[in-house]
PDB file of N, CA and C in Angstrom:
ATOM      1  N   MET A   1      14.541  10.996  12.073  1.00  0.00           N
ATOM      2  CA  MET A   1      13.332  10.343  12.229  1.00  0.00           C
ATOM      3  C   MET A   1      12.120  11.098  11.958  1.00  0.00           C
ATOM      4  N   GLU A   2      12.234  12.391  12.161  1.00  0.00           N
ATOM      5  CA  GLU A   2      11.108  13.302  11.703  1.00  0.00           C
ATOM      6  C   GLU A   2      10.945  13.292  10.251  1.00  0.00           C
ATOM      7  N   THR A   3      11.916  13.152   9.471  1.00  0.00           N
ATOM      8  CA  THR A   3      11.686  13.190   7.949  1.00  0.00           C
ATOM      9  C   THR A   3      11.100  11.966   7.603  1.00  0.00           C
ATOM     10  N   TYR A   4      11.611  10.747   8.174  1.00  0.00           N
ATOM     11  CA  TYR A   4      10.800   9.464   7.838  1.00  0.00           C
ATOM     12  C   TYR A   4       9.403   9.584   8.160  1.00  0.00           C
ATOM     13  N   SER A   5       9.001  10.045   9.342  1.00  0.00           N
ATOM     14  CA  SER A   5       7.549   9.994   9.796  1.00  0.00           C
ATOM     15  C   SER A   5       6.760  10.890   8.732  1.00  0.00           C
ATOM     16  N   ARG A   6       7.303  11.947   8.520  1.00  0.00           N
ATOM     17  CA  ARG A   6       6.635  12.998   7.457  1.00  0.00           C
ATOM     18  C   ARG A   6       6.407  12.280   6.146  1.00  0.00           C
ATOM     19  N   PHE A   7       7.464  11.801   5.507  1.00  0.00           N
ATOM     20  CA  PHE A   7       7.317  10.969   4.330  1.00  0.00           C
ATOM     21  C   PHE A   7       6.371   9.845   4.516  1.00  0.00           C
ATOM     22  N   PHE A   8       6.511   9.148   5.457  1.00  0.00           N
ATOM     23  CA  PHE A   8       5.547   8.023   5.702  1.00  0.00           C
ATOM     24  C   PHE A   8       4.126   8.508   5.610  1.00  0.00           C
ATOM     25  N   ARG A   9       3.790   9.568   6.404  1.00  0.00           N
ATOM     26  CA  ARG A   9       2.295   9.964   6.572  1.00  0.00           C
ATOM     27  C   ARG A   9       1.909  10.518   5.155  1.00  0.00           C
ATOM     28  N   SER A  10       2.807  11.020   4.361  1.00  0.00           N
ATOM     29  CA  SER A  10       2.291  11.525   3.072  1.00  0.00           C
ATOM     30  C   SER A  10       2.174  10.238   2.150  1.00  0.00           C
ATOM     31  N   PHE A  11       2.934   9.338   2.348  1.00  0.00           N
ATOM     32  CA  PHE A  11       2.787   7.916   1.598  1.00  0.00           C
ATOM     33  C   PHE A  11       1.516   7.265   1.943  1.00  0.00           C
ATOM     34  N   GLU A  12       1.224   7.198   3.222  1.00  0.00           N
ATOM     35  CA  GLU A  12       0.092   6.537   3.728  1.00  0.00           C
ATOM     36  C   GLU A  12      -1.198   7.157   3.280  1.00  0.00           C
ATOM     37  N   GLU A  13      -1.226   8.526   3.240  1.00  0.00           N
ATOM     38  CA  GLU A  13      -2.459   9.306   3.028  1.00  0.00           C
ATOM     39  C   GLU A  13      -2.930   9.051   1.661  1.00  0.00           C
ATOM     40  N   SER A  14      -1.965   8.990   0.747  1.00  0.00           N
ATOM     41  CA  SER A  14      -2.378   8.650  -0.762  1.00  0.00           C
ATOM     42  C   SER A  14      -1.636   7.426  -1.140  1.00  0.00           C
ATOM     43  N   PHE A  15      -2.077   6.221  -0.337  1.00  0.00           N
ATOM     44  CA  PHE A  15      -1.391   4.987  -0.634  1.00  0.00           C
ATOM     45  C   PHE A  15      -1.464   4.444  -1.950  1.00  0.00           C
ATOM     46  N   PHE A  16      -2.588   4.393  -2.579  1.00  0.00           N
ATOM     47  CA  PHE A  16      -2.815   3.788  -3.869  1.00  0.00           C
ATOM     48  C   PHE A  16      -2.199   4.626  -4.936  1.00  0.00           C
ATOM     49  N   ALA A  17      -2.262   5.910  -4.884  1.00  0.00           N
ATOM     50  CA  ALA A  17      -1.531   6.755  -5.890  1.00  0.00           C
ATOM     51  C   ALA A  17       0.116   6.645  -5.825  1.00  0.00           C
ATOM     52  N   THR A  18       0.571   6.716  -4.522  1.00  0.00           N
ATOM     53  CA  THR A  18       2.032   6.661  -4.482  1.00  0.00           C
ATOM     54  C   THR A  18       2.630   5.223  -4.611  1.00  0.00           C
ATOM     55  N   THR A  19       1.821   4.263  -4.455  1.00  0.00           N
ATOM     56  CA  THR A  19       2.299   2.957  -4.732  1.00  0.00           C
ATOM     57  C   THR A  19       2.293   2.626  -6.368  1.00  0.00           C
ATOM     58  N   THR A  20       1.356   3.146  -7.030  1.00  0.00           N
ATOM     59  CA  THR A  20       1.394   3.130  -8.502  1.00  0.00           C
ATOM     60  C   THR A  20       2.640   3.833  -9.001  1.00  0.00           C
ATOM     61  N   ILE A  21       3.003   5.003  -8.566  1.00  0.00           N
ATOM     62  CA  ILE A  21       4.122   5.697  -9.038  1.00  0.00           C
ATOM     63  C   ILE A  21       5.432   4.989  -8.522  1.00  0.00           C
ATOM     64  N   SER A  22       5.354   4.393  -7.394  1.00  0.00           N
ATOM     65  CA  SER A  22       6.484   3.891  -6.817  1.00  0.00           C
ATOM     66  C   SER A  22       6.827   2.578  -7.608  1.00  0.00           C
ATOM     67  N   ILE A  23       5.913   1.713  -7.959  1.00  0.00           N
ATOM     68  CA  ILE A  23       6.182   0.611  -8.726  1.00  0.00           C
ATOM     69  C   ILE A  23       6.742   0.982 -10.080  1.00  0.00           C
ATOM     70  N   LEU A  24       6.269   2.018 -10.765  1.00  0.00           N
ATOM     71  CA  LEU A  24       6.803   2.375 -11.990  1.00  0.00           C
ATOM     72  C   LEU A  24       8.276   2.883 -11.806  1.00  0.00           C
ATOM     73  N   ALA A  25       8.532   3.753 -10.913  1.00  0.00           N
ATOM     74  CA  ALA A  25       9.894   4.341 -10.661  1.00  0.00           C
ATOM     75  C   ALA A  25      10.866   3.249 -10.105  1.00  0.00           C
ATOM     76  N   HIS A  26      10.458   2.464  -9.120  1.00  0.00           N
ATOM     77  CA  HIS A  26      11.282   1.469  -8.685  1.00  0.00           C
ATOM     78  C   HIS A  26      11.691   0.400  -9.750  1.00  0.00           C
ATOM     79  N   SER A  27      10.770   0.095 -10.566  1.00  0.00           N
ATOM     80  CA  SER A  27      11.173  -0.847 -11.707  1.00  0.00           C
ATOM     81  C   SER A  27      12.065  -0.248 -12.660  1.00  0.00           C
ATOM     82  N   CYS A  28      11.926   0.972 -13.028  1.00  0.00           N
ATOM     83  CA  CYS A  28      12.881   1.687 -13.834  1.00  0.00           C
ATOM     84  C   CYS A  28      14.192   1.666 -13.315  1.00  0.00           C
ATOM     85  N   LEU A  29      14.271   2.126 -11.986  1.00  0.00           N
ATOM     86  CA  LEU A  29      15.488   2.141 -11.241  1.00  0.00           C
ATOM     87  C   LEU A  29      16.118   0.743 -11.216  1.00  0.00           C
ATOM     88  N   GLY A  30      15.314  -0.285 -10.868  1.00  0.00           N
ATOM     89  CA  GLY A  30      15.849  -1.693 -11.036  1.00  0.00           C
ATOM     90  C   GLY A  30      16.423  -2.038 -12.338  1.00  0.00           C
ATOM     91  N   GLY A  31      15.781  -1.730 -13.312  1.00  0.00           N
ATOM     92  CA  GLY A  31      16.159  -1.871 -14.609  1.00  0.00           C
ATOM     93  C   GLY A  31      17.519  -1.258 -14.961  1.00  0.00           C
ATOM     94  N   ALA A  32      17.586  -0.036 -14.595  1.00  0.00           N
ATOM     95  CA  ALA A  32      18.971   0.615 -14.772  1.00  0.00           C
ATOM     96  C   ALA A  32      20.123   0.085 -14.043  1.00  0.00           C
ATOM     97  N   ALA A  33      19.686  -0.425 -12.819  1.00  0.00           N
ATOM     98  CA  ALA A  33      20.743  -1.098 -11.989  1.00  0.00           C
ATOM     99  C   ALA A  33      21.158  -2.434 -12.675  1.00  0.00           C
ATOM    100  N   ALA A  34      20.231  -3.148 -13.045  1.00  0.00           N
ATOM    101  CA  ALA A  34      20.552  -4.478 -13.684  1.00  0.00           C
ATOM    102  C   ALA A  34      21.292  -4.212 -14.934  1.00  0.00           C
ATOM    103  N   MET A  35      21.062  -3.231 -15.839  1.00  0.00           N
ATOM    104  CA  MET A  35      21.802  -2.766 -16.996  1.00  0.00           C
ATOM    105  C   MET A  35      23.234  -2.435 -16.499  1.00  0.00           C
ATOM    106  N   ALA A  36      23.392  -1.716 -15.547  1.00  0.00           N
ATOM    107  CA  ALA A  36      24.730  -1.315 -14.984  1.00  0.00           C
ATOM    108  C   ALA A  36      25.535  -2.443 -14.615  1.00  0.00           C
ATOM    109  N   VAL A  37      24.848  -3.332 -13.854  1.00  0.00           N
ATOM    110  CA  VAL A  37      25.665  -4.620 -13.369  1.00  0.00           C
ATOM    111  C   VAL A  37      26.074  -5.409 -14.644  1.00  0.00           C
ATOM    112  N   LEU A  38      25.091  -5.586 -15.675  1.00  0.00           N
ATOM    113  CA  LEU A  38      25.496  -6.501 -16.757  1.00  0.00           C
ATOM    114  C   LEU A  38      26.461  -5.929 -17.665  1.00  0.00           C
ATOM    115  N   MET A  39      26.608  -4.636 -17.715  1.00  0.00           N
ATOM    116  CA  MET A  39      27.607  -3.922 -18.505  1.00  0.00           C
ATOM    117  C   MET A  39      29.060  -4.331 -18.101  1.00  0.00           C
ATOM    118  N   ASN A  40      29.240  -4.750 -16.833  1.00  0.00           N
ATOM    119  CA  ASN A  40      30.473  -4.989 -16.247  1.00  0.00           C
ATOM    120  C   ASN A  40      30.798  -6.486 -16.387  1.00  0.00           C
ATOM    121  N   GLY A  41      30.164  -7.224 -17.079  1.00  0.00           N
ATOM    122  CA  GLY A  41      30.296  -8.634 -17.297  1.00  0.00           C
ATOM    123  C   GLY A  41      29.288  -9.472 -16.687  1.00  0.00           C
ATOM    124  N   THR A  42      29.606 -10.851 -16.854  1.00  0.00           N
ATOM    125  CA  THR A  42      28.658 -11.861 -16.408  1.00  0.00           C
ATOM    126  C   THR A  42      29.344 -12.868 -15.392  1.00  0.00           C
ATOM    127  N   GLY A  43      30.266 -12.358 -14.646  1.00  0.00           N
ATOM    128  CA  GLY A  43      30.924 -13.104 -13.656  1.00  0.00           C
ATOM    129  C   GLY A  43      30.043 -13.535 -12.434  1.00  0.00           C
ATOM    130  N   MET A  44      30.668 -14.201 -11.583  1.00  0.00           N
ATOM    131  CA  MET A  44      29.892 -14.603 -10.318  1.00  0.00           C
ATOM    132  C   MET A  44      29.487 -13.333  -9.496  1.00  0.00           C
ATOM    133  N   ILE A  45      30.348 -12.388  -9.332  1.00  0.00           N
ATOM    134  CA  ILE A  45      30.112 -11.248  -8.586  1.00  0.00           C
ATOM    135  C   ILE A  45      28.917 -10.395  -9.217  1.00  0.00           C
ATOM    136  N   GLN A  46      28.962 -10.331 -10.565  1.00  0.00           N
ATOM    137  CA  GLN A  46      27.829  -9.714 -11.280  1.00  0.00           C
ATOM    138  C   GLN A  46      26.561 -10.404 -11.133  1.00  0.00           C
ATOM    139  N   MET A  47      26.503 -11.731 -11.121  1.00  0.00           N
ATOM    140  CA  MET A  47      25.332 -12.425 -10.831  1.00  0.00           C
ATOM    141  C   MET A  47      24.833 -12.265  -9.473  1.00  0.00           C
ATOM    142  N   VAL A  48      25.656 -12.132  -8.428  1.00  0.00           N
ATOM    143  CA  VAL A  48      25.168 -11.940  -7.087  1.00  0.00           C
ATOM    144  C   VAL A  48      24.452 -10.507  -7.090  1.00  0.00           C
ATOM    145  N   GLN A  49      25.172  -9.654  -7.615  1.00  0.00           N
ATOM    146  CA  GLN A  49      24.679  -8.214  -7.687  1.00  0.00           C
ATOM    147  C   GLN A  49      23.323  -8.160  -8.365  1.00  0.00           C
ATOM    148  N   LEU A  50      23.309  -8.973  -9.484  1.00  0.00           N
ATOM    149  CA  LEU A  50      21.957  -8.926 -10.277  1.00  0.00           C
ATOM    150  C   LEU A  50      20.881  -9.582  -9.473  1.00  0.00           C
ATOM    151  N   PHE A  51      21.270 -10.556  -8.587  1.00  0.00           N
ATOM    152  CA  PHE A  51      20.281 -11.341  -7.828  1.00  0.00           C
ATOM    153  C   PHE A  51      19.774 -10.365  -6.805  1.00  0.00           C
ATOM    154  N   LEU A  52      20.702  -9.529  -6.149  1.00  0.00           N
ATOM    155  CA  LEU A  52      20.145  -8.489  -5.254  1.00  0.00           C
ATOM    156  C   LEU A  52      19.181  -7.591  -5.772  1.00  0.00           C
ATOM    157  N   VAL A  53      19.432  -7.033  -7.045  1.00  0.00           N
ATOM    158  CA  VAL A  53      18.667  -6.111  -7.723  1.00  0.00           C
ATOM    159  C   VAL A  53      17.318  -6.668  -8.069  1.00  0.00           C
ATOM    160  N   VAL A  54      17.295  -7.892  -8.459  1.00  0.00           N
ATOM    161  CA  VAL A  54      15.940  -8.574  -8.701  1.00  0.00           C
ATOM    162  C   VAL A  54      15.212  -8.866  -7.466  1.00  0.00           C
ATOM    163  N   ALA A  55      15.897  -9.450  -6.481  1.00  0.00           N
ATOM    164  CA  ALA A  55      15.289  -9.663  -5.205  1.00  0.00           C
ATOM    165  C   ALA A  55      14.620  -8.519  -4.592  1.00  0.00           C
ATOM    166  N   VAL A  56      15.214  -7.489  -4.541  1.00  0.00           N
ATOM    167  CA  VAL A  56      14.642  -6.231  -3.788  1.00  0.00           C
ATOM    168  C   VAL A  56      13.562  -5.606  -4.739  1.00  0.00           C
ATOM    169  N   CYS A  57      13.728  -5.677  -5.964  1.00  0.00           N
ATOM    170  CA  CYS A  57      12.540  -5.312  -6.714  1.00  0.00           C
ATOM    171  C   CYS A  57      11.274  -6.100  -6.597  1.00  0.00           C
ATOM    172  N   MET A  58      11.454  -7.383  -6.591  1.00  0.00           N
ATOM    173  CA  MET A  58      10.341  -8.478  -6.471  1.00  0.00           C
ATOM    174  C   MET A  58       9.744  -8.291  -5.059  1.00  0.00           C
ATOM    175  N   LEU A  59      10.677  -8.202  -3.961  1.00  0.00           N
ATOM    176  CA  LEU A  59      10.156  -7.918  -2.772  1.00  0.00           C
ATOM    177  C   LEU A  59       9.124  -6.737  -2.613  1.00  0.00           C
ATOM    178  N   PHE A  60       9.503  -5.706  -3.188  1.00  0.00           N
ATOM    179  CA  PHE A  60       8.652  -4.441  -3.109  1.00  0.00           C
ATOM    180  C   PHE A  60       7.509  -4.739  -3.861  1.00  0.00           C
ATOM    181  N   ASN A  61       7.518  -5.135  -5.191  1.00  0.00           N
ATOM    182  CA  ASN A  61       6.408  -5.236  -6.066  1.00  0.00           C
ATOM    183  C   ASN A  61       5.422  -6.351  -5.446  1.00  0.00           C
ATOM    184  N   GLY A  62       5.988  -7.473  -4.907  1.00  0.00           N
ATOM    185  CA  GLY A  62       5.175  -8.493  -4.208  1.00  0.00           C
ATOM    186  C   GLY A  62       4.452  -7.944  -2.991  1.00  0.00           C
ATOM    187  N   SER A  63       5.125  -7.005  -2.255  1.00  0.00           N
ATOM    188  CA  SER A  63       4.454  -6.530  -1.108  1.00  0.00           C
ATOM    189  C   SER A  63       3.289  -5.522  -1.567  1.00  0.00           C
ATOM    190  N   VAL A  64       3.439  -4.839  -2.602  1.00  0.00           N
ATOM    191  CA  VAL A  64       2.345  -4.110  -3.078  1.00  0.00           C
ATOM    192  C   VAL A  64       1.050  -4.969  -3.562  1.00  0.00           C
ATOM    193  N   LEU A  65       1.485  -6.014  -4.285  1.00  0.00           N
ATOM    194  CA  LEU A  65       0.443  -6.957  -4.965  1.00  0.00           C
ATOM    195  C   LEU A  65      -0.203  -7.726  -3.855  1.00  0.00           C
ATOM    196  N   SER A  66       0.433  -8.075  -2.880  1.00  0.00           N
ATOM    197  CA  SER A  66      -0.136  -8.857  -1.755  1.00  0.00           C
ATOM    198  C   SER A  66      -0.807  -8.006  -0.693  1.00  0.00           C
ATOM    199  N   GLN A  67      -0.902  -6.667  -1.037  1.00  0.00           N
ATOM    200  CA  GLN A  67      -1.539  -5.750  -0.127  1.00  0.00           C
ATOM    201  C   GLN A  67      -0.998  -5.699   1.305  1.00  0.00           C
ATOM    202  N   GLN A  68       0.242  -5.663   1.613  1.00  0.00           N
ATOM    203  CA  GLN A  68       0.888  -5.646   2.938  1.00  0.00           C
ATOM    204  C   GLN A  68       0.517  -4.198   3.423  1.00  0.00           C
ATOM    205  N   LYS A  69       0.847  -4.147   4.705  1.00  0.00           N
ATOM    206  CA  LYS A  69       0.589  -2.759   5.470  1.00  0.00           C
ATOM    207  C   LYS A  69       1.344  -1.744   4.747  1.00  0.00           C
ATOM    208  N   PRO A  70       0.897  -0.574   4.874  1.00  0.00           N
ATOM    209  CA  PRO A  70       1.633   0.583   4.273  1.00  0.00           C
ATOM    210  C   PRO A  70       3.148   0.665   4.780  1.00  0.00           C
ATOM    211  N   LYS A  71       3.317   0.491   6.092  1.00  0.00           N
ATOM    212  CA  LYS A  71       4.622   0.561   6.701  1.00  0.00           C
ATOM    213  C   LYS A  71       5.517  -0.569   6.127  1.00  0.00           C
ATOM    214  N   VAL A  72       5.132  -1.700   5.775  1.00  0.00           N
ATOM    215  CA  VAL A  72       6.049  -2.692   5.218  1.00  0.00           C
ATOM    216  C   VAL A  72       6.427  -2.312   3.783  1.00  0.00           C
ATOM    217  N   VAL A  73       5.388  -1.928   3.057  1.00  0.00           N
ATOM    218  CA  VAL A  73       5.669  -1.421   1.625  1.00  0.00           C
ATOM    219  C   VAL A  73       6.645  -0.208   1.656  1.00  0.00           C
ATOM    220  N   PHE A  74       6.376   0.780   2.488  1.00  0.00           N
ATOM    221  CA  PHE A  74       7.216   1.824   2.506  1.00  0.00           C
ATOM    222  C   PHE A  74       8.598   1.610   2.853  1.00  0.00           C
ATOM    223  N   ASN A  75       8.830   0.745   3.815  1.00  0.00           N
ATOM    224  CA  ASN A  75      10.262   0.326   4.236  1.00  0.00           C
ATOM    225  C   ASN A  75      10.976  -0.439   3.055  1.00  0.00           C
ATOM    226  N   LEU A  76      10.237  -1.253   2.389  1.00  0.00           N
ATOM    227  CA  LEU A  76      10.751  -2.216   1.216  1.00  0.00           C
ATOM    228  C   LEU A  76      11.095  -1.161   0.155  1.00  0.00           C
ATOM    229  N   LEU A  77      10.381  -0.054  -0.074  1.00  0.00           N
ATOM    230  CA  LEU A  77      10.545   0.835  -1.049  1.00  0.00           C
ATOM    231  C   LEU A  77      11.902   1.594  -0.718  1.00  0.00           C
ATOM    232  N   ILE A  78      12.091   2.024   0.445  1.00  0.00           N
ATOM    233  CA  ILE A  78      13.430   2.655   0.886  1.00  0.00           C
ATOM    234  C   ILE A  78      14.616   1.759   0.809  1.00  0.00           C
ATOM    235  N   VAL A  79      14.450   0.436   1.107  1.00  0.00           N
ATOM    236  CA  VAL A  79      15.593  -0.536   1.105  1.00  0.00           C
ATOM    237  C   VAL A  79      15.830  -0.736  -0.339  1.00  0.00           C
ATOM    238  N   GLY A  80      14.860  -0.902  -1.158  1.00  0.00           N
ATOM    239  CA  GLY A  80      15.083  -1.111  -2.569  1.00  0.00           C
ATOM    240  C   GLY A  80      15.794  -0.134  -3.294  1.00  0.00           C
ATOM    241  N   THR A  81      15.444   1.172  -2.969  1.00  0.00           N
ATOM    242  CA  THR A  81      15.794   2.300  -3.715  1.00  0.00           C
ATOM    243  C   THR A  81      17.388   2.484  -3.209  1.00  0.00           C
ATOM    244  N   ILE A  82      17.634   2.319  -1.965  1.00  0.00           N
ATOM    245  CA  ILE A  82      19.070   2.296  -1.551  1.00  0.00           C
ATOM    246  C   ILE A  82      19.887   1.268  -2.230  1.00  0.00           C
ATOM    247  N   VAL A  83      19.368  -0.003  -2.203  1.00  0.00           N
ATOM    248  CA  VAL A  83      20.259  -1.038  -2.744  1.00  0.00           C
ATOM    249  C   VAL A  83      20.507  -0.813  -4.165  1.00  0.00           C
ATOM    250  N   ASN A  84      19.355  -0.519  -4.920  1.00  0.00           N
ATOM    251  CA  ASN A  84      19.492  -0.290  -6.507  1.00  0.00           C
ATOM    252  C   ASN A  84      20.333   0.851  -6.797  1.00  0.00           C
ATOM    253  N   THR A  85      20.313   1.930  -5.971  1.00  0.00           N
ATOM    254  CA  THR A  85      20.929   3.183  -6.307  1.00  0.00           C
ATOM    255  C   THR A  85      22.566   2.853  -6.105  1.00  0.00           C
ATOM    256  N   LEU A  86      22.912   2.234  -5.005  1.00  0.00           N
ATOM    257  CA  LEU A  86      24.211   1.915  -4.550  1.00  0.00           C
ATOM    258  C   LEU A  86      24.878   0.961  -5.658  1.00  0.00           C
ATOM    259  N   LEU A  87      24.088  -0.054  -6.110  1.00  0.00           N
ATOM    260  CA  LEU A  87      24.597  -0.995  -7.071  1.00  0.00           C
ATOM    261  C   LEU A  87      24.748  -0.388  -8.435  1.00  0.00           C
ATOM    262  N   ALA A  88      23.718   0.523  -8.844  1.00  0.00           N
ATOM    263  CA  ALA A  88      23.811   1.180 -10.150  1.00  0.00           C
ATOM    264  C   ALA A  88      25.104   2.160 -10.049  1.00  0.00           C
ATOM    265  N   THR A  89      25.247   2.937  -9.070  1.00  0.00           N
ATOM    266  CA  THR A  89      26.254   3.909  -8.991  1.00  0.00           C
ATOM    267  C   THR A  89      27.623   3.244  -9.032  1.00  0.00           C
ATOM    268  N   TYR A  90      27.774   2.172  -8.160  1.00  0.00           N
ATOM    269  CA  TYR A  90      29.072   1.455  -8.298  1.00  0.00           C
ATOM    270  C   TYR A  90      29.324   0.843  -9.567  1.00  0.00           C
ATOM    271  N   ASN A  91      28.328   0.331 -10.186  1.00  0.00           N
ATOM    272  CA  ASN A  91      28.697  -0.394 -11.586  1.00  0.00           C
ATOM    273  C   ASN A  91      28.810   0.739 -12.767  1.00  0.00           C
ATOM    274  N   PHE A  92      28.180   1.873 -12.623  1.00  0.00           N
ATOM    275  CA  PHE A  92      28.424   2.816 -13.491  1.00  0.00           C
ATOM    276  C   PHE A  92      29.732   3.630 -13.392  1.00  0.00           C
ATOM    277  N   VAL A  93      30.353   3.583 -12.167  1.00  0.00           N
ATOM    278  CA  VAL A  93      31.540   4.310 -11.874  1.00  0.00           C
ATOM    279  C   VAL A  93      32.632   3.426 -12.296  1.00  0.00           C
ATOM    280  N   TYR A  94      32.576   2.114 -11.918  1.00  0.00           N
ATOM    281  CA  TYR A  94      33.782   1.181 -12.025  1.00  0.00           C
ATOM    282  C   TYR A  94      33.643   0.391 -13.320  1.00  0.00           C
TER     283      TYR A  94
END
């Protein structure tokens, strides 16, 4: 929990700078995850995975654009990064 608090304080102190970089990095990660999913075909399972990738990216980008509280934006960044990383890793490996 201490690590989370430390990263959140750093994120909150320079909110506009970190959200700008986060949007760029998160969108690139989402694009890589979408590519990995579609490399394995276009079946129903891949479409559900693609939906998850697009949904978490849009949630994060939407939270930044709608000027949500920094804690909400930070939590969505973490969730999106975890989901996209797991899906990309799974699809690149299998």
